[in-house]
Amino acid sequence: MPDKKGTYEMADQIPEISPVLKQGASRRNIDAARNAVAVALFNGWTLLGTYNGSDTRSLWRCELKGCGQQVEKFYSHIRGRKDKEGNWKPSPRHKGCLPSAKREAALKEWRERK
């Protein structure tokens, strides 16, 4: 769960980072990639393959029960947003995902399994 600043506990493992990002990657870059994967997991996405950075699409799998689709998305399209009250809300899913009425419960179930 994110704190008030939107900070997540980082993923335990360093994700596979694209060769382009590895060249000259600083500790900050690696930590940002780890945080991105942790945020994605929190929001019901699993990285498949390499993390290509926030401004390049990576391959993700939707982990909501009954979905499982693999989609290429920008990290910014899965990380979530703050609502008007400052609470973090997940981003909209993808075409063919669960109906919106079922997504919140499916995401809650996913988070409880993790």
Protein backbone atom coordinates (compact mmCIF):
# COMPACT_ATOMS: atom_id res chain seq x y z
CA MET A 1 0.00 0.00 0.00
CA PRO A 2 1.43 3.42 -0.81
CA ASP A 3 2.04 5.96 1.90
CA LYS A 4 0.69 9.54 1.68
CA LYS A 5 3.48 10.51 -0.72
CA GLY A 6 2.72 7.60 -3.03
CA THR A 7 5.87 5.71 -2.04
CA TYR A 8 5.70 1.93 -2.19
CA GLU A 9 7.85 -0.71 -0.57
CA MET A 10 10.28 -1.63 -3.32
CA ALA A 11 10.28 -4.99 -5.02
CA ASP A 12 12.73 -7.42 -3.43
CA GLN A 13 14.47 -8.22 -6.68
CA ILE A 14 15.92 -5.88 -9.24
CA PRO A 15 13.84 -6.31 -12.40
CA GLU A 16 15.50 -7.19 -15.67
CA ILE A 17 16.29 -3.77 -17.12
CA SER A 18 16.56 -3.16 -20.85
CA PRO A 19 20.12 -2.94 -22.19
CA VAL A 20 19.53 0.69 -23.16
CA LEU A 21 18.73 1.62 -19.55
CA LYS A 22 21.60 -0.46 -18.16
CA GLN A 23 24.18 1.69 -19.93
CA GLY A 24 25.15 4.25 -17.35
CA ALA A 25 22.35 3.25 -14.97
CA SER A 26 22.77 4.87 -11.60
CA ARG A 27 21.59 3.51 -8.27
CA ARG A 28 18.68 5.95 -8.57
CA ASN A 29 17.68 4.41 -11.96
CA ILE A 30 17.74 0.92 -10.52
CA ASP A 31 15.73 2.00 -7.47
CA ALA A 32 13.20 3.71 -9.77
CA ALA A 33 12.82 0.49 -11.77
CA ARG A 34 12.35 -1.54 -8.58
CA ASN A 35 9.75 0.93 -7.35
CA ALA A 36 7.94 0.82 -10.71
CA VAL A 37 7.66 -2.97 -10.52
CA ALA A 38 6.43 -2.75 -6.90
CA VAL A 39 3.77 -0.21 -7.89
CA ALA A 40 2.71 -2.36 -10.84
CA LEU A 41 2.40 -5.43 -8.60
CA PHE A 42 0.32 -3.45 -6.13
CA ASN A 43 -1.99 -2.49 -8.97
CA GLY A 44 -2.34 -6.06 -10.26
CA TRP A 45 0.27 -6.16 -13.02
CA THR A 46 3.27 -8.47 -13.46
CA LEU A 47 6.22 -7.45 -15.61
CA LEU A 48 7.00 -9.95 -18.36
CA GLY A 49 10.51 -9.60 -19.72
CA THR A 50 12.50 -6.42 -19.32
CA TYR A 51 11.50 -3.10 -17.78
CA ASN A 52 12.04 -0.54 -20.53
CA GLY A 53 11.63 2.63 -18.48
CA SER A 54 8.67 4.86 -17.78
CA ASP A 55 8.54 6.44 -21.22
CA THR A 56 8.75 3.21 -23.24
CA ARG A 57 6.22 0.39 -23.34
CA SER A 58 6.95 -2.81 -21.44
CA LEU A 59 5.07 -6.09 -21.55
CA TRP A 60 2.77 -6.64 -18.54
CA ARG A 61 0.26 -9.30 -17.55
CA CYS A 62 -3.02 -8.28 -15.93
CA GLU A 63 -3.30 -10.38 -12.75
CA LEU A 64 -6.95 -9.70 -11.99
CA LYS A 65 -8.85 -12.94 -11.49
CA GLY A 66 -10.43 -14.02 -14.74
CA CYS A 67 -8.27 -11.82 -16.98
CA GLY A 68 -4.58 -12.65 -17.46
CA GLN A 69 -4.17 -10.70 -20.70
CA GLN A 70 -0.70 -9.65 -21.76
CA VAL A 71 -0.49 -6.05 -22.91
CA GLU A 72 2.21 -3.54 -23.78
CA LYS A 73 1.75 -0.42 -21.69
CA PHE A 74 3.67 2.58 -20.49
CA TYR A 75 4.41 2.42 -16.78
CA SER A 76 2.58 5.73 -16.36
CA HIS A 77 -0.60 4.04 -17.63
CA ILE A 78 -0.60 1.44 -14.85
CA ARG A 79 0.82 3.23 -11.81
CA GLY A 80 -2.40 4.88 -10.64
CA ARG A 81 -3.29 8.47 -9.80
CA LYS A 82 -4.36 10.54 -6.84
CA ASP A 83 -8.03 11.43 -6.65
CA LYS A 84 -9.35 14.85 -5.58
CA GLU A 85 -8.97 13.90 -1.91
CA GLY A 86 -5.35 12.85 -2.38
CA ASN A 87 -6.00 9.09 -2.21
CA TRP A 88 -4.27 6.77 -4.67
CA LYS A 89 -6.56 5.10 -7.19
CA PRO A 90 -5.57 2.49 -9.79
CA SER A 91 -5.53 3.50 -13.44
CA PRO A 92 -8.19 2.18 -15.79
CA ARG A 93 -7.43 -1.33 -17.03
CA HIS A 94 -7.32 -2.41 -20.66
CA LYS A 95 -9.82 -3.47 -23.30
CA GLY A 96 -11.27 -6.87 -22.56
CA CYS A 97 -10.54 -6.74 -18.82
CA LEU A 98 -13.13 -7.46 -16.17
CA PRO A 99 -16.19 -5.21 -16.11
CA SER A 100 -15.52 -2.10 -14.02
CA ALA A 101 -18.05 -3.25 -11.39
CA LYS A 102 -15.85 -6.32 -10.68
CA ARG A 103 -12.40 -4.73 -10.88
CA GLU A 104 -12.22 -3.23 -7.39
CA ALA A 105 -13.05 -6.55 -5.73
CA ALA A 106 -10.63 -8.41 -8.00
CA LEU A 107 -7.84 -5.93 -7.21
CA LYS A 108 -8.54 -6.21 -3.49
CA GLU A 109 -8.35 -10.01 -3.78
CA TRP A 110 -5.06 -9.75 -5.69
CA ARG A 111 -3.54 -7.50 -3.01
CA GLU A 112 -4.61 -9.86 -0.23
CA ARG A 113 -2.87 -12.78 -1.97
CA LYS A 114 0.38 -10.84 -2.19
